[in-house]
Amino acid sequence: MLYLPHGTIHLEGIPKYVICKIWNISYNSYYIQNNKSLTMAKYLLIWEINPNYVSEDPAARGAQWKQFMDMVRQDFEKGITKDWGAFIAEPRGFSVVEGSELEIGILAQQFSPYVTFETHACASVEQTMELLNALTGQ
């Protein structure tokens, strides 16, 4: 079963990557019915604060970080951000997010130009097993 903005389509036996190519949609942006739950695309974001915008004044720098953290908390409340962390003694960290490519793009753009992101789409165990089955012809 494939969940698209236009509705549900039953396409048993056709590989999902073929369906995505036909429908001209990203493999990471659709929903799959997985027994009882729906799964969304998951991304690992490696973020880095742009040093050109960091204040030299400690109080002002602290206020900048507080504003940044307030925005991160809002993304948790929206349900997009699932995990977040800052690398110790570095102006970088990571975030694990779930959503469509548009949602992740909007999340990243709200921090621009103060924070840059390196974005990696992540495959679930089920998706990796599906890939392995396709490779082995099972």
Foldseek 3Di string as FASTA:
>chain_A
DWQDPVGDDDDPPDDLVVVCVVVVHDSQATWDDDPPDIFHWKKKKKKAFDPVPADPDPVVNVVVVVVVVVLVVVCVVVVFWDDWDADPPHRITMTMGGHGPVVVVVSQVVCPPGMDIDMDTDDDPVRVVVVVCVVVVD
